[in-house]
Amino acid sequence: MTRTILIVLSEYGYWGEELVGPLAAFDRQGYRSVFATPTGKRARALPPSLDPGYVDPPLGRSVTTPEVAVAARQLDESDRLDAPASLAEWIPDRPYNSEDGYLRKVEAYYRELARLDRDIEEYDALVLVGGSGPIVDLANNGRVHDLILAFVRADKPVLAECYGVACLAFARDWEDRTSILRGKHVTGHCKEYDYKDGTGFLGVDFNMGPPPYPLEYILRDATAPDGRYHGNVGKETSVIVDHPFVTGRSTPDSYLSGEKLVEVLESGLRRYGW
């Protein structure tokens, strides 16, 4: 049977290659890809990710080849990303403790959330695409967290790239709040790759300096004491598989990330890169 992959994208901008890379592996394998965004708004690629002439400040060189730029632009301009599923319409929102009738509302929340475990039966894996956008609407999105936790409960693989890996660090059971990355090996956007200025997003008139948090530090803390963050600085690629998680450091790791997720699904790969 054809496998189905659920791909979550930010509405504030995804990095072109970080979608194109995994998607190329899925398409080659004949997988069906389903897209979702936080509110159902169509996702768009960050303009620098479509420009092979854009020089990444920390690396001092372009990170987008002309071929990838063409592929990313064609995808972004196609109708393939039109009409994504809305996480807001699909997954319940946990009520504030201060709300009137809180007990009944939180009971309703858990009833609806239980349906999520059944809903994801049709999907074989979850993908969280990177770029700066996830900082805004994915990293601390409770619905995204509940989706991740559902896939983890079902022992289904979750691929996260770059700043999308922050979602894994923050997705925690509401009661014990223990990191799902505790004891795991992961990679993600390393401190050396952080901008000093110019972290930008789509759809807002706001361009901050450095990112609001150093993801590497968060991942180091989340995986402790028995796991480890791997930056692999100086190496061309950094992809880590520690079942059920597949994590990619940044843009150059996108194609390999998708290929490794295919290996997880087809060959039972459980460990890679550490």
Protein backbone atom coordinates (compact mmCIF):
# COMPACT_ATOMS: atom_id res chain seq x y z
CA MET A 1 0.00 0.00 0.00
CA THR A 2 1.09 3.57 -0.68
CA ARG A 3 2.48 5.34 2.36
CA THR A 4 1.14 8.74 3.37
CA ILE A 5 3.30 11.47 4.90
CA LEU A 6 1.86 14.43 6.82
CA ILE A 7 3.97 17.55 6.25
CA VAL A 8 3.50 20.58 8.50
CA LEU A 9 4.59 24.00 7.21
CA SER A 10 4.80 27.41 8.83
CA GLU A 11 2.59 30.22 7.58
CA TYR A 12 5.45 32.67 8.22
CA GLY A 13 7.85 31.18 5.71
CA TYR A 14 9.56 27.84 5.10
CA TRP A 15 13.00 27.33 3.57
CA GLY A 16 12.57 26.07 0.02
CA GLU A 17 15.11 23.26 0.02
CA GLU A 18 13.90 21.98 3.38
CA LEU A 19 10.62 21.06 1.73
CA VAL A 20 11.97 20.15 -1.71
CA GLY A 21 14.58 17.75 -0.32
CA PRO A 22 12.30 15.42 1.66
CA LEU A 23 9.53 15.74 -0.89
CA ALA A 24 11.85 14.54 -3.66
CA ALA A 25 12.56 11.38 -1.67
CA PHE A 26 8.86 10.81 -0.99
CA ASP A 27 7.85 11.38 -4.60
CA ARG A 28 10.56 9.03 -5.82
CA GLN A 29 9.22 6.37 -3.48
CA GLY A 30 5.64 6.92 -4.63
CA TYR A 31 4.46 8.24 -1.28
CA ARG A 32 1.41 10.46 -0.93
CA SER A 33 2.19 13.77 0.79
CA VAL A 34 -0.47 15.72 2.68
CA PHE A 35 0.21 19.29 3.78
CA ALA A 36 -0.99 21.15 6.85
CA THR A 37 -0.45 24.60 8.38
CA PRO A 38 -1.51 26.05 11.73
CA THR A 39 -4.66 27.80 10.44
CA GLY A 40 -5.02 26.43 6.92
CA LYS A 41 -3.33 29.40 5.27
CA ARG A 42 -1.19 28.51 2.28
CA ALA A 43 2.50 28.31 3.09
CA ARG A 44 5.08 30.22 1.05
CA ALA A 45 8.84 29.87 0.71
CA LEU A 46 11.14 32.48 2.22
CA PRO A 47 12.48 34.62 -0.67
CA PRO A 48 16.19 34.12 0.19
CA SER A 49 15.67 30.36 -0.12
CA LEU A 50 14.71 30.83 -3.78
CA ASP A 51 17.73 32.96 -4.62
CA PRO A 52 20.98 31.13 -5.45
CA GLY A 53 22.78 34.48 -5.17
CA TYR A 54 21.80 34.96 -1.52
CA VAL A 55 24.87 34.60 0.69
CA ASP A 56 24.19 33.03 4.07
CA PRO A 57 25.94 35.35 6.58
CA PRO A 58 27.29 32.73 9.04
CA LEU A 59 28.60 30.49 6.28
CA GLY A 60 29.76 33.26 3.95
CA ARG A 61 28.46 31.51 0.85
CA SER A 62 25.29 30.64 -0.97
CA VAL A 63 23.44 27.64 0.45
CA THR A 64 21.05 27.30 -2.50
CA THR A 65 22.20 25.84 -5.82
CA PRO A 66 20.61 27.11 -9.04
CA GLU A 67 18.99 23.69 -9.52
CA VAL A 68 17.44 23.68 -6.06
CA ALA A 69 16.30 27.29 -6.49
CA VAL A 70 14.44 26.34 -9.67
CA ALA A 71 12.85 23.28 -8.05
CA ALA A 72 11.83 25.24 -4.95
CA ARG A 73 10.33 28.06 -6.99
CA GLN A 74 8.40 25.67 -9.21
CA LEU A 75 6.96 23.96 -6.14
CA ASP A 76 6.15 27.24 -4.43
CA GLU A 77 4.37 28.54 -7.53
CA SER A 78 2.49 25.30 -8.21
CA ASP A 79 -0.92 24.40 -6.83
CA ARG A 80 0.49 21.52 -4.83
CA LEU A 81 0.56 23.49 -1.58
CA ASP A 82 -2.91 24.97 -2.07
CA ALA A 83 -5.65 24.22 0.47
CA PRO A 84 -3.58 22.68 3.27
CA ALA A 85 -5.32 21.09 6.23
CA SER A 86 -5.85 23.42 9.18
CA LEU A 87 -4.46 22.23 12.50
CA ALA A 88 -6.76 24.73 14.22
CA GLU A 89 -9.81 23.03 12.73
CA TRP A 90 -8.50 19.52 13.30
CA ILE A 91 -6.89 19.53 16.76
CA PRO A 92 -8.54 20.95 19.91
CA ASP A 93 -7.06 23.85 21.84
CA ARG A 94 -6.48 23.32 25.54
CA PRO A 95 -8.58 25.79 27.59
CA TYR A 96 -7.15 28.20 30.12
CA ASN A 97 -7.54 27.10 33.73
CA SER A 98 -9.23 30.45 34.38
CA GLU A 99 -12.09 29.86 31.94
CA ASP A 100 -15.63 29.47 33.19
CA GLY A 101 -16.64 25.81 33.18
CA TYR A 102 -12.97 24.75 32.96
CA LEU A 103 -13.60 21.19 34.16
CA ARG A 104 -16.15 20.44 31.44
CA LYS A 105 -14.01 22.17 28.83
CA VAL A 106 -10.85 20.25 29.68
CA GLU A 107 -12.83 17.00 29.66
CA ALA A 108 -14.06 17.90 26.18
CA TYR A 109 -10.50 18.73 25.14
CA TYR A 110 -9.27 15.28 26.15
CA ARG A 111 -12.20 13.56 24.43
CA GLU A 112 -11.42 15.35 21.18
CA LEU A 113 -7.72 14.72 21.61
CA ALA A 114 -8.35 10.98 21.92
CA ARG A 115 -9.72 11.06 18.37
CA LEU A 116 -6.37 12.33 17.14
CA ASP A 117 -4.82 8.93 17.83
CA ARG A 118 -7.35 7.41 15.43
CA ASP A 119 -7.01 10.22 12.89
CA ILE A 120 -3.28 9.68 12.41
CA GLU A 121 -3.71 6.01 11.61
CA GLU A 122 -3.80 6.98 7.92
CA TYR A 123 -0.35 8.57 8.13
CA ASP A 124 2.97 6.76 8.23
CA ALA A 125 5.19 9.65 9.30
CA LEU A 126 5.18 13.31 10.28
CA VAL A 127 7.49 15.99 8.84
CA LEU A 128 8.15 19.44 10.34
CA VAL A 129 9.77 21.64 7.71
CA GLY A 130 12.33 24.24 8.80
CA GLY A 131 13.13 27.84 8.04
CA SER A 132 12.64 30.87 10.27
CA GLY A 133 8.84 30.63 10.12
CA PRO A 134 8.54 27.78 12.66
CA ILE A 135 9.96 30.12 15.31
CA VAL A 136 6.72 32.09 15.07
CA ASP A 137 3.87 29.60 14.71
CA LEU A 138 5.14 26.02 15.14
CA ALA A 139 7.71 25.87 17.96
CA ASN A 140 5.35 26.72 20.83
CA ASN A 141 2.10 25.71 19.15
CA GLY A 142 0.11 23.41 21.45
CA ARG A 143 -1.69 21.77 18.56
CA VAL A 144 1.62 20.95 16.89
CA HIS A 145 2.81 19.50 20.20
CA ASP A 146 -0.29 17.31 20.51
CA LEU A 147 0.22 16.10 16.94
CA ILE A 148 3.84 15.16 17.63
CA LEU A 149 2.90 13.36 20.85
CA ALA A 150 0.25 11.36 18.97
CA PHE A 151 2.84 10.17 16.43
CA VAL A 152 5.26 9.29 19.23
CA ARG A 153 2.57 7.30 21.07
CA ALA A 154 1.90 5.42 17.84
CA ASP A 155 5.65 4.76 17.40
CA LYS A 156 5.57 6.49 14.02
CA PRO A 157 8.64 8.40 12.82
CA VAL A 158 8.87 12.17 13.03
CA LEU A 159 11.28 14.11 10.81
CA ALA A 160 12.14 17.66 11.90
CA GLU A 161 14.54 20.04 10.16
CA CYS A 162 16.47 23.07 11.35
CA TYR A 163 14.21 25.31 13.49
CA GLY A 164 11.45 22.72 13.17
CA VAL A 165 13.40 20.61 15.67
CA ALA A 166 12.38 23.09 18.37
CA CYS A 167 8.89 21.60 18.16
CA LEU A 168 10.27 18.30 19.42
CA ALA A 169 12.01 19.96 22.35
CA PHE A 170 8.80 21.70 23.43
CA ALA A 171 6.29 18.87 22.81
CA ARG A 172 5.71 17.44 26.29
CA ASP A 173 3.01 15.65 28.20
CA TRP A 174 1.02 18.26 30.10
CA GLU A 175 1.33 16.40 33.40
CA ASP A 176 4.97 15.35 33.78
CA ARG A 177 6.45 17.77 31.21
CA THR A 178 9.45 15.52 30.61
CA SER A 179 11.17 16.11 27.29
CA ILE A 180 10.39 13.50 24.65
CA LEU A 181 14.01 14.05 23.55
CA ARG A 182 15.42 13.05 26.93
CA GLY A 183 18.10 10.42 26.29
CA LYS A 184 17.88 10.89 22.52
CA HIS A 185 20.48 11.95 19.98
CA VAL A 186 19.47 14.84 17.72
CA THR A 187 20.81 17.60 15.53
CA GLY A 188 19.36 20.98 14.65
CA HIS A 189 20.33 24.56 13.87
CA CYS A 190 23.70 25.01 15.61
CA LYS A 191 24.88 28.16 17.35
CA GLU A 192 27.51 28.77 14.66
CA TYR A 193 24.72 29.00 12.06
CA ASP A 194 22.67 31.62 13.96
CA TYR A 195 22.32 35.01 12.31
CA LYS A 196 23.56 38.06 14.24
CA ASP A 197 21.00 40.19 12.43
CA GLY A 198 18.20 39.83 9.92
CA THR A 199 16.13 36.84 11.04
CA GLY A 200 13.07 37.46 8.87
CA PHE A 201 9.54 36.17 8.45
CA LEU A 202 6.80 36.42 5.84
CA GLY A 203 3.57 38.32 6.39
CA VAL A 204 4.81 40.64 9.13
CA ASP A 205 6.63 43.96 9.13
CA PHE A 206 9.20 42.69 11.56
CA ASN A 207 12.76 41.65 11.00
CA MET A 208 14.54 40.73 14.21
CA GLY A 209 18.25 40.51 14.84
CA PRO A 210 19.40 37.08 16.00
CA PRO A 211 16.80 34.33 16.49
CA PRO A 212 14.95 34.63 19.83
CA TYR A 213 16.61 31.52 21.22
CA PRO A 214 19.75 29.50 20.43
CA LEU A 215 18.20 26.20 19.39
CA GLU A 216 21.40 24.27 20.07
CA TYR A 217 21.28 25.16 23.78
CA ILE A 218 17.64 24.10 24.04
CA LEU A 219 18.40 20.76 22.39
CA ARG A 220 21.39 20.14 24.60
CA ASP A 221 19.22 20.64 27.68
CA ALA A 222 16.27 18.65 26.30
CA THR A 223 18.36 15.56 25.48
CA ALA A 224 20.25 15.51 28.80
CA PRO A 225 21.47 13.66 30.74
CA ASP A 226 21.89 10.56 28.61
CA GLY A 227 21.28 11.90 25.12
CA ARG A 228 23.29 14.33 23.05
CA TYR A 229 23.03 17.20 20.60
CA HIS A 230 25.26 16.78 17.51
CA GLY A 231 26.15 19.98 15.65
CA ASN A 232 28.76 18.38 13.39
CA VAL A 233 30.10 21.85 12.65
CA GLY A 234 32.49 21.74 9.71
CA LYS A 235 30.86 18.68 8.20
CA GLU A 236 28.77 19.17 5.07
CA THR A 237 25.79 17.30 6.45
CA SER A 238 24.33 16.47 9.83
CA VAL A 239 21.39 14.07 9.95
CA ILE A 240 20.66 12.00 13.03
CA VAL A 241 18.28 9.06 13.33
CA ASP A 242 17.34 7.98 16.84
CA HIS A 243 14.00 6.26 16.47
CA PRO A 244 11.35 7.59 16.23
CA PHE A 245 13.10 10.86 15.44
CA VAL A 246 14.93 11.90 12.28
CA THR A 247 16.53 15.33 12.63
CA GLY A 248 18.35 17.50 10.11
CA ARG A 249 20.65 20.36 11.08
CA SER A 250 19.92 22.85 8.30
CA THR A 251 19.41 23.43 4.59
CA PRO A 252 22.18 21.16 3.18
CA ASP A 253 20.75 18.22 5.13
CA SER A 254 17.30 18.30 3.55
CA TYR A 255 17.73 15.69 0.84
CA LEU A 256 19.55 13.27 3.15
CA SER A 257 16.87 13.79 5.82
CA GLY A 258 14.18 12.66 3.43
CA GLU A 259 16.23 9.70 2.27
CA LYS A 260 16.80 8.58 5.85
CA LEU A 261 13.10 8.81 6.67
CA VAL A 262 12.42 6.56 3.68
CA GLU A 263 14.97 4.09 5.10
CA VAL A 264 13.23 4.22 8.47
CA LEU A 265 9.92 3.35 6.82
CA GLU A 266 11.17 0.81 4.28
CA SER A 267 14.15 -0.82 5.99
CA GLY A 268 13.49 -0.31 9.68
CA LEU A 269 16.46 2.02 10.18
CA ARG A 270 16.57 3.03 13.84
CA ARG A 271 19.99 4.64 14.25
CA TYR A 272 22.19 6.76 12.00
CA GLY A 273 24.79 9.48 12.33
CA TRP A 274 26.02 8.91 15.88
